[in-house]
Amino acid sequence: MYYNPDTKYTDEEDKQINDFKLFCIGKGKMIPETDQNILAHLYRNKMSNDKAYDALLAKHKYEMTNFPLKITESIYKLIEVGIISVSGRDKCHRPVVNLSLDRLWGMNPMPPTEDLITISLLMIEFIKKYMLIPGQIENRLLIIECKGMNIINFPYNMVKQITGTMQR
């Protein structure tokens, strides 16, 4: 689905967007979103107003608690080391993100998980701004490089937090 400002929504899509706005007014809270974002959340949630409303509220709560990002010297160091990077696009034109746990594992001391989450958020914002087409529902690939690691020393909790952040 591509978004073009001149493109009209179908009658059914217009009805769903208007129903959602009325649903929000009934809840006593209007969510400041464009029609295209409302429609995207409705599609993701199988046209359920309740689920789309909860998802949009969760998105806004998440953005209010995590943004603006606090960029520190340690964040710059992690970026320079190349802990996370974009390696281009795959054959379906999806952005490919590399998370290099092997580089992270060699660091002493190990950086805090909050710093890793911050660089993940920076990467997501970079991809949104420079690699995604507004109005098109797209996804991205994450490659986790684990050279020299094994099952015993794999940082499951840290990877779970980072990937959870990137899925939002």
Foldseek 3Di string as FASTA:
>chain_A
DADDPVDDDDPVLVVLLVVLQVVCVVVVHGQPDDSLLLSVLCVVVVSDSVRSVVVSVVVVVVCVVCPPDDDDPVLVVCVVLCQKDWPFADPVQAIEMEGEVVSQVPDPPRDDLVSLLSVLVVVLVCCVVPRDHPSDDGDHHYHYHDPPDDPVPDPVVSVVVNVVSNVD
